[in-house]
Amino acid sequence: MARKSLIQREKKRQKLEQKYHLIRRSSKEEIRKVLSLSDKSEIYEKLQSLPRNSAPTRLRRRCFSTGRPRANYRDF
């Protein structure tokens, strides 16, 4: 069984990712559309100002019953 604090930390990351998902996606689309480097750098700064834990790569899939981070079952 995983420690409760690690499971709670992962849940917090999931909430943050859902909260900032649209902002992150729209700014990435803007980066693709914009041609000037100065505008792109402003959008990159906007992206970098978001919390680190709101990035989807920070999430880790965990077993729903035990909380184990590796070799887990998604569905039973």
PDB file of N, CA and C in Angstrom:
ATOM      1  N   MET A   1       0.843  -1.174   0.000  1.00  0.00           N
ATOM      2  CA  MET A   1       0.000   0.000   0.000  1.00  0.00           C
ATOM      3  C   MET A   1       0.891   1.241   0.000  1.00  0.00           C
ATOM      4  N   ALA A   2       0.590   2.168  -0.871  1.00  0.00           N
ATOM      5  CA  ALA A   2       1.372   3.400  -0.960  1.00  0.00           C
ATOM      6  C   ALA A   2       1.045   4.309   0.226  1.00  0.00           C
ATOM      7  N   ARG A   3       1.973   5.185   0.530  1.00  0.00           N
ATOM      8  CA  ARG A   3       1.728   6.134   1.605  1.00  0.00           C
ATOM      9  C   ARG A   3       0.601   7.073   1.205  1.00  0.00           C
ATOM     10  N   LYS A   4      -0.195   7.450   2.169  1.00  0.00           N
ATOM     11  CA  LYS A   4      -1.361   8.302   1.906  1.00  0.00           C
ATOM     12  C   LYS A   4      -0.940   9.656   1.346  1.00  0.00           C
ATOM     13  N   SER A   5       0.192  10.167   1.806  1.00  0.00           N
ATOM     14  CA  SER A   5       0.630  11.485   1.351  1.00  0.00           C
ATOM     15  C   SER A   5       0.958  11.471  -0.141  1.00  0.00           C
ATOM     16  N   LEU A   6       1.512  10.365  -0.634  1.00  0.00           N
ATOM     17  CA  LEU A   6       1.837  10.279  -2.057  1.00  0.00           C
ATOM     18  C   LEU A   6       0.575  10.208  -2.904  1.00  0.00           C
ATOM     19  N   ILE A   7      -0.417   9.496  -2.407  1.00  0.00           N
ATOM     20  CA  ILE A   7      -1.684   9.410  -3.131  1.00  0.00           C
ATOM     21  C   ILE A   7      -2.355  10.778  -3.168  1.00  0.00           C
ATOM     22  N   GLN A   8      -2.339  11.496  -2.045  1.00  0.00           N
ATOM     23  CA  GLN A   8      -2.941  12.824  -1.990  1.00  0.00           C
ATOM     24  C   GLN A   8      -2.199  13.811  -2.888  1.00  0.00           C
ATOM     25  N   ARG A   9      -0.891  13.701  -2.940  1.00  0.00           N
ATOM     26  CA  ARG A   9      -0.092  14.565  -3.801  1.00  0.00           C
ATOM     27  C   ARG A   9      -0.469  14.358  -5.266  1.00  0.00           C
ATOM     28  N   GLU A  10      -0.682  13.107  -5.628  1.00  0.00           N
ATOM     29  CA  GLU A  10      -1.055  12.791  -7.005  1.00  0.00           C
ATOM     30  C   GLU A  10      -2.450  13.327  -7.328  1.00  0.00           C
ATOM     31  N   LYS A  11      -3.359  13.242  -6.375  1.00  0.00           N
ATOM     32  CA  LYS A  11      -4.704  13.790  -6.580  1.00  0.00           C
ATOM     33  C   LYS A  11      -4.651  15.303  -6.749  1.00  0.00           C
ATOM     34  N   LYS A  12      -3.779  15.947  -5.979  1.00  0.00           N
ATOM     35  CA  LYS A  12      -3.619  17.399  -6.089  1.00  0.00           C
ATOM     36  C   LYS A  12      -3.093  17.770  -7.474  1.00  0.00           C
ATOM     37  N   ARG A  13      -2.151  16.980  -7.990  1.00  0.00           N
ATOM     38  CA  ARG A  13      -1.619  17.226  -9.325  1.00  0.00           C
ATOM     39  C   ARG A  13      -2.693  17.047 -10.385  1.00  0.00           C
ATOM     40  N   GLN A  14      -3.557  16.057 -10.211  1.00  0.00           N
ATOM     41  CA  GLN A  14      -4.634  15.840 -11.169  1.00  0.00           C
ATOM     42  C   GLN A  14      -5.594  17.020 -11.190  1.00  0.00           C
ATOM     43  N   LYS A  15      -5.914  17.554 -10.013  1.00  0.00           N
ATOM     44  CA  LYS A  15      -6.807  18.710  -9.943  1.00  0.00           C
ATOM     45  C   LYS A  15      -6.175  19.921 -10.621  1.00  0.00           C
ATOM     46  N   LEU A  16      -4.891  20.147 -10.369  1.00  0.00           N
ATOM     47  CA  LEU A  16      -4.201  21.277 -10.990  1.00  0.00           C
ATOM     48  C   LEU A  16      -4.144  21.126 -12.505  1.00  0.00           C
ATOM     49  N   GLU A  17      -3.907  19.909 -12.971  1.00  0.00           N
ATOM     50  CA  GLU A  17      -3.823  19.663 -14.407  1.00  0.00           C
ATOM     51  C   GLU A  17      -5.167  19.943 -15.060  1.00  0.00           C
ATOM     52  N   GLN A  18      -6.252  19.546 -14.430  1.00  0.00           N
ATOM     53  CA  GLN A  18      -7.576  19.806 -14.977  1.00  0.00           C
ATOM     54  C   GLN A  18      -7.900  21.293 -14.954  1.00  0.00           C
ATOM     55  N   LYS A  19      -7.452  21.980 -13.918  1.00  0.00           N
ATOM     56  CA  LYS A  19      -7.737  23.408 -13.779  1.00  0.00           C
ATOM     57  C   LYS A  19      -7.055  24.234 -14.877  1.00  0.00           C
ATOM     58  N   TYR A  20      -5.799  23.900 -15.183  1.00  0.00           N
ATOM     59  CA  TYR A  20      -5.021  24.689 -16.131  1.00  0.00           C
ATOM     60  C   TYR A  20      -4.954  24.077 -17.526  1.00  0.00           C
ATOM     61  N   HIS A  21      -5.717  23.021 -17.773  1.00  0.00           N
ATOM     62  CA  HIS A  21      -5.635  22.314 -19.053  1.00  0.00           C
ATOM     63  C   HIS A  21      -5.972  23.226 -20.233  1.00  0.00           C
ATOM     64  N   LEU A  22      -7.062  23.963 -20.133  1.00  0.00           N
ATOM     65  CA  LEU A  22      -7.485  24.814 -21.252  1.00  0.00           C
ATOM     66  C   LEU A  22      -6.508  25.963 -21.494  1.00  0.00           C
ATOM     67  N   ILE A  23      -5.988  26.534 -20.430  1.00  0.00           N
ATOM     68  CA  ILE A  23      -5.022  27.629 -20.570  1.00  0.00           C
ATOM     69  C   ILE A  23      -3.763  27.129 -21.262  1.00  0.00           C
ATOM     70  N   ARG A  24      -3.284  25.976 -20.829  1.00  0.00           N
ATOM     71  CA  ARG A  24      -2.074  25.396 -21.405  1.00  0.00           C
ATOM     72  C   ARG A  24      -2.283  25.051 -22.881  1.00  0.00           C
ATOM     73  N   ARG A  25      -3.426  24.447 -23.200  1.00  0.00           N
ATOM     74  CA  ARG A  25      -3.703  24.045 -24.578  1.00  0.00           C
ATOM     75  C   ARG A  25      -3.856  25.258 -25.493  1.00  0.00           C
ATOM     76  N   SER A  26      -4.570  26.286 -25.032  1.00  0.00           N
ATOM     77  CA  SER A  26      -4.768  27.467 -25.871  1.00  0.00           C
ATOM     78  C   SER A  26      -3.457  28.210 -26.118  1.00  0.00           C
ATOM     79  N   SER A  27      -2.597  28.288 -25.101  1.00  0.00           N
ATOM     80  CA  SER A  27      -1.327  28.988 -25.296  1.00  0.00           C
ATOM     81  C   SER A  27      -0.408  28.204 -26.231  1.00  0.00           C
ATOM     82  N   LYS A  28      -0.470  26.873 -26.194  1.00  0.00           N
ATOM     83  CA  LYS A  28       0.334  26.089 -27.128  1.00  0.00           C
ATOM     84  C   LYS A  28      -0.164  26.257 -28.556  1.00  0.00           C
ATOM     85  N   GLU A  29      -1.476  26.381 -28.732  1.00  0.00           N
ATOM     86  CA  GLU A  29      -2.018  26.637 -30.065  1.00  0.00           C
ATOM     87  C   GLU A  29      -1.582  28.008 -30.568  1.00  0.00           C
ATOM     88  N   GLU A  30      -1.559  28.989 -29.670  1.00  0.00           N
ATOM     89  CA  GLU A  30      -1.106  30.333 -30.039  1.00  0.00           C
ATOM     90  C   GLU A  30       0.347  30.306 -30.501  1.00  0.00           C
ATOM     91  N   ILE A  31       1.173  29.536 -29.835  1.00  0.00           N
ATOM     92  CA  ILE A  31       2.587  29.445 -30.202  1.00  0.00           C
ATOM     93  C   ILE A  31       2.730  28.922 -31.620  1.00  0.00           C
ATOM     94  N   ARG A  32       1.901  27.940 -31.977  1.00  0.00           N
ATOM     95  CA  ARG A  32       1.967  27.386 -33.331  1.00  0.00           C
ATOM     96  C   ARG A  32       1.524  28.393 -34.382  1.00  0.00           C
ATOM     97  N   LYS A  33       0.568  29.260 -34.024  1.00  0.00           N
ATOM     98  CA  LYS A  33       0.008  30.202 -34.993  1.00  0.00           C
ATOM     99  C   LYS A  33       0.870  31.452 -35.178  1.00  0.00           C
ATOM    100  N   VAL A  34       1.461  31.930 -34.100  1.00  0.00           N
ATOM    101  CA  VAL A  34       2.208  33.188 -34.122  1.00  0.00           C
ATOM    102  C   VAL A  34       3.535  32.994 -34.850  1.00  0.00           C
ATOM    103  N   LEU A  35       3.914  34.004 -35.637  1.00  0.00           N
ATOM    104  CA  LEU A  35       5.150  33.917 -36.407  1.00  0.00           C
ATOM    105  C   LEU A  35       6.312  34.681 -35.778  1.00  0.00           C
ATOM    106  N   SER A  36       6.023  35.798 -35.128  1.00  0.00           N
ATOM    107  CA  SER A  36       7.118  36.612 -34.603  1.00  0.00           C
ATOM    108  C   SER A  36       7.693  36.001 -33.321  1.00  0.00           C
ATOM    109  N   LEU A  37       8.988  36.116 -33.183  1.00  0.00           N
ATOM    110  CA  LEU A  37       9.675  35.539 -32.028  1.00  0.00           C
ATOM    111  C   LEU A  37       9.347  36.261 -30.726  1.00  0.00           C
ATOM    112  N   SER A  38       9.140  37.570 -30.803  1.00  0.00           N
ATOM    113  CA  SER A  38       8.844  38.316 -29.580  1.00  0.00           C
ATOM    114  C   SER A  38       7.490  37.896 -28.998  1.00  0.00           C
ATOM    115  N   ASP A  39       6.504  37.683 -29.882  1.00  0.00           N
ATOM    116  CA  ASP A  39       5.201  37.222 -29.397  1.00  0.00           C
ATOM    117  C   ASP A  39       5.295  35.816 -28.827  1.00  0.00           C
ATOM    118  N   LYS A  40       6.084  34.973 -29.490  1.00  0.00           N
ATOM    119  CA  LYS A  40       6.252  33.607 -28.998  1.00  0.00           C
ATOM    120  C   LYS A  40       6.904  33.601 -27.618  1.00  0.00           C
ATOM    121  N   SER A  41       7.889  34.463 -27.430  1.00  0.00           N
ATOM    122  CA  SER A  41       8.573  34.494 -26.134  1.00  0.00           C
ATOM    123  C   SER A  41       7.626  34.952 -25.023  1.00  0.00           C
ATOM    124  N   GLU A  42       6.712  35.874 -25.339  1.00  0.00           N
ATOM    125  CA  GLU A  42       5.731  36.306 -24.346  1.00  0.00           C
ATOM    126  C   GLU A  42       4.798  35.160 -23.957  1.00  0.00           C
ATOM    127  N   ILE A  43       4.389  34.388 -24.964  1.00  0.00           N
ATOM    128  CA  ILE A  43       3.494  33.260 -24.689  1.00  0.00           C
ATOM    129  C   ILE A  43       4.232  32.183 -23.898  1.00  0.00           C
ATOM    130  N   TYR A  44       5.510  31.965 -24.213  1.00  0.00           N
ATOM    131  CA  TYR A  44       6.307  31.001 -23.453  1.00  0.00           C
ATOM    132  C   TYR A  44       6.432  31.428 -21.991  1.00  0.00           C
ATOM    133  N   GLU A  45       6.598  32.720 -21.753  1.00  0.00           N
ATOM    134  CA  GLU A  45       6.671  33.215 -20.378  1.00  0.00           C
ATOM    135  C   GLU A  45       5.358  32.967 -19.646  1.00  0.00           C
ATOM    136  N   LYS A  46       4.252  33.150 -20.378  1.00  0.00           N
ATOM    137  CA  LYS A  46       2.940  32.881 -19.798  1.00  0.00           C
ATOM    138  C   LYS A  46       2.821  31.401 -19.414  1.00  0.00           C
ATOM    139  N   LEU A  47       3.320  30.533 -20.286  1.00  0.00           N
ATOM    140  CA  LEU A  47       3.296  29.093 -20.005  1.00  0.00           C
ATOM    141  C   LEU A  47       4.174  28.754 -18.804  1.00  0.00           C
ATOM    142  N   GLN A  48       5.329  29.379 -18.729  1.00  0.00           N
ATOM    143  CA  GLN A  48       6.263  29.088 -17.648  1.00  0.00           C
ATOM    144  C   GLN A  48       5.775  29.611 -16.304  1.00  0.00           C
ATOM    145  N   SER A  49       4.868  30.589 -16.333  1.00  0.00           N
ATOM    146  CA  SER A  49       4.353  31.126 -15.078  1.00  0.00           C
ATOM    147  C   SER A  49       3.303  30.213 -14.448  1.00  0.00           C
ATOM    148  N   LEU A  50       2.800  29.234 -15.212  1.00  0.00           N
ATOM    149  CA  LEU A  50       1.838  28.283 -14.654  1.00  0.00           C
ATOM    150  C   LEU A  50       2.546  27.377 -13.644  1.00  0.00           C
ATOM    151  N   PRO A  51       1.811  26.827 -12.697  1.00  0.00           N
ATOM    152  CA  PRO A  51       2.438  25.926 -11.718  1.00  0.00           C
ATOM    153  C   PRO A  51       3.039  24.696 -12.383  1.00  0.00           C
ATOM    154  N   ARG A  52       4.136  24.225 -11.858  1.00  0.00           N
ATOM    155  CA  ARG A  52       4.805  23.058 -12.429  1.00  0.00           C
ATOM    156  C   ARG A  52       3.926  21.819 -12.384  1.00  0.00           C
ATOM    157  N   ASN A  53       3.216  21.659 -11.295  1.00  0.00           N
ATOM    158  CA  ASN A  53       2.399  20.463 -11.133  1.00  0.00           C
ATOM    159  C   ASN A  53       1.157  20.473 -12.015  1.00  0.00           C
ATOM    160  N   SER A  54       0.933  21.534 -12.763  1.00  0.00           N
ATOM    161  CA  SER A  54      -0.208  21.558 -13.676  1.00  0.00           C
ATOM    162  C   SER A  54       0.139  20.948 -15.030  1.00  0.00           C
ATOM    163  N   ALA A  55       1.392  20.585 -15.237  1.00  0.00           N
ATOM    164  CA  ALA A  55       1.796  19.956 -16.494  1.00  0.00           C
ATOM    165  C   ALA A  55       1.379  18.491 -16.489  1.00  0.00           C
ATOM    166  N   PRO A  56       0.842  17.997 -17.606  1.00  0.00           N
ATOM    167  CA  PRO A  56       0.389  16.599 -17.635  1.00  0.00           C
ATOM    168  C   PRO A  56       1.516  15.585 -17.496  1.00  0.00           C
ATOM    169  N   THR A  57       2.737  15.963 -17.788  1.00  0.00           N
ATOM    170  CA  THR A  57       3.842  15.016 -17.669  1.00  0.00           C
ATOM    171  C   THR A  57       4.205  14.737 -16.216  1.00  0.00           C
ATOM    172  N   ARG A  58       3.737  15.573 -15.297  1.00  0.00           N
ATOM    173  CA  ARG A  58       4.029  15.361 -13.878  1.00  0.00           C
ATOM    174  C   ARG A  58       3.133  14.292 -13.252  1.00  0.00           C
ATOM    175  N   LEU A  59       2.073  13.911 -13.960  1.00  0.00           N
ATOM    176  CA  LEU A  59       1.144  12.919 -13.424  1.00  0.00           C
ATOM    177  C   LEU A  59       1.726  11.522 -13.528  1.00  0.00           C
ATOM    178  N   ARG A  60       1.335  10.682 -12.591  1.00  0.00           N
ATOM    179  CA  ARG A  60       1.771   9.292 -12.588  1.00  0.00           C
ATOM    180  C   ARG A  60       0.534   8.426 -12.393  1.00  0.00           C
ATOM    181  N   ARG A  61       0.386   7.441 -13.236  1.00  0.00           N
ATOM    182  CA  ARG A  61      -0.760   6.546 -13.113  1.00  0.00           C
ATOM    183  C   ARG A  61      -0.560   5.640 -11.905  1.00  0.00           C
ATOM    184  N   ARG A  62      -1.573   5.537 -11.056  1.00  0.00           N
ATOM    185  CA  ARG A  62      -1.483   4.709  -9.858  1.00  0.00           C
ATOM    186  C   ARG A  62      -2.614   3.696  -9.838  1.00  0.00           C
ATOM    187  N   CYS A  63      -2.362   2.588  -9.171  1.00  0.00           N
ATOM    188  CA  CYS A  63      -3.378   1.549  -9.006  1.00  0.00           C
ATOM    189  C   CYS A  63      -4.537   2.136  -8.205  1.00  0.00           C
ATOM    190  N   PHE A  64      -5.765   1.912  -8.662  1.00  0.00           N
ATOM    191  CA  PHE A  64      -6.908   2.526  -7.999  1.00  0.00           C
ATOM    192  C   PHE A  64      -7.216   1.903  -6.639  1.00  0.00           C
ATOM    193  N   SER A  65      -6.796   0.670  -6.420  1.00  0.00           N
ATOM    194  CA  SER A  65      -7.112   0.034  -5.137  1.00  0.00           C
ATOM    195  C   SER A  65      -5.972   0.145  -4.128  1.00  0.00           C
ATOM    196  N   THR A  66      -4.719   0.012  -4.570  1.00  0.00           N
ATOM    197  CA  THR A  66      -3.598   0.033  -3.628  1.00  0.00           C
ATOM    198  C   THR A  66      -2.788   1.320  -3.683  1.00  0.00           C
ATOM    199  N   GLY A  67      -2.845   2.052  -4.787  1.00  0.00           N
ATOM    200  CA  GLY A  67      -2.061   3.268  -4.926  1.00  0.00           C
ATOM    201  C   GLY A  67      -0.657   3.021  -5.418  1.00  0.00           C
ATOM    202  N   ARG A  68      -0.375   1.789  -5.828  1.00  0.00           N
ATOM    203  CA  ARG A  68       0.971   1.432  -6.286  1.00  0.00           C
ATOM    204  C   ARG A  68       1.278   2.163  -7.596  1.00  0.00           C
ATOM    205  N   PRO A  69       2.479   2.790  -7.722  1.00  0.00           N
ATOM    206  CA  PRO A  69       2.780   3.588  -8.906  1.00  0.00           C
ATOM    207  C   PRO A  69       3.237   2.784 -10.121  1.00  0.00           C
ATOM    208  N   ARG A  70       3.771   1.595  -9.911  1.00  0.00           N
ATOM    209  CA  ARG A  70       4.282   0.812 -11.043  1.00  0.00           C
ATOM    210  C   ARG A  70       3.585  -0.538 -11.095  1.00  0.00           C
ATOM    211  N   ALA A  71       3.551  -1.114 -12.299  1.00  0.00           N
ATOM    212  CA  ALA A  71       2.924  -2.422 -12.516  1.00  0.00           C
ATOM    213  C   ALA A  71       1.514  -2.426 -11.945  1.00  0.00           C
ATOM    214  N   ASN A  72       0.722  -1.446 -12.368  1.00  0.00           N
ATOM    215  CA  ASN A  72      -0.609  -1.300 -11.804  1.00  0.00           C
ATOM    216  C   ASN A  72      -1.688  -1.704 -12.806  1.00  0.00           C
ATOM    217  N   TYR A  73      -2.872  -1.919 -12.280  1.00  0.00           N
ATOM    218  CA  TYR A  73      -4.040  -2.219 -13.100  1.00  0.00           C
ATOM    219  C   TYR A  73      -4.859  -0.946 -13.249  1.00  0.00           C
ATOM    220  N   ARG A  74      -5.202  -0.618 -14.486  1.00  0.00           N
ATOM    221  CA  ARG A  74      -6.075   0.534 -14.691  1.00  0.00           C
ATOM    222  C   ARG A  74      -7.515   0.144 -14.374  1.00  0.00           C
ATOM    223  N   ASP A  75      -7.943  -0.971 -14.945  1.00  0.00           N
ATOM    224  CA  ASP A  75      -9.297  -1.472 -14.708  1.00  0.00           C
ATOM    225  C   ASP A  75      -9.201  -2.887 -14.174  1.00  0.00           C
ATOM    226  N   PHE A  76     -10.185  -3.274 -13.413  1.00  0.00           N
ATOM    227  CA  PHE A  76     -10.174  -4.629 -12.889  1.00  0.00           C
ATOM    228  C   PHE A  76     -11.255  -5.443 -13.536  1.00  0.00           C
TER     229      PHE A  76
END
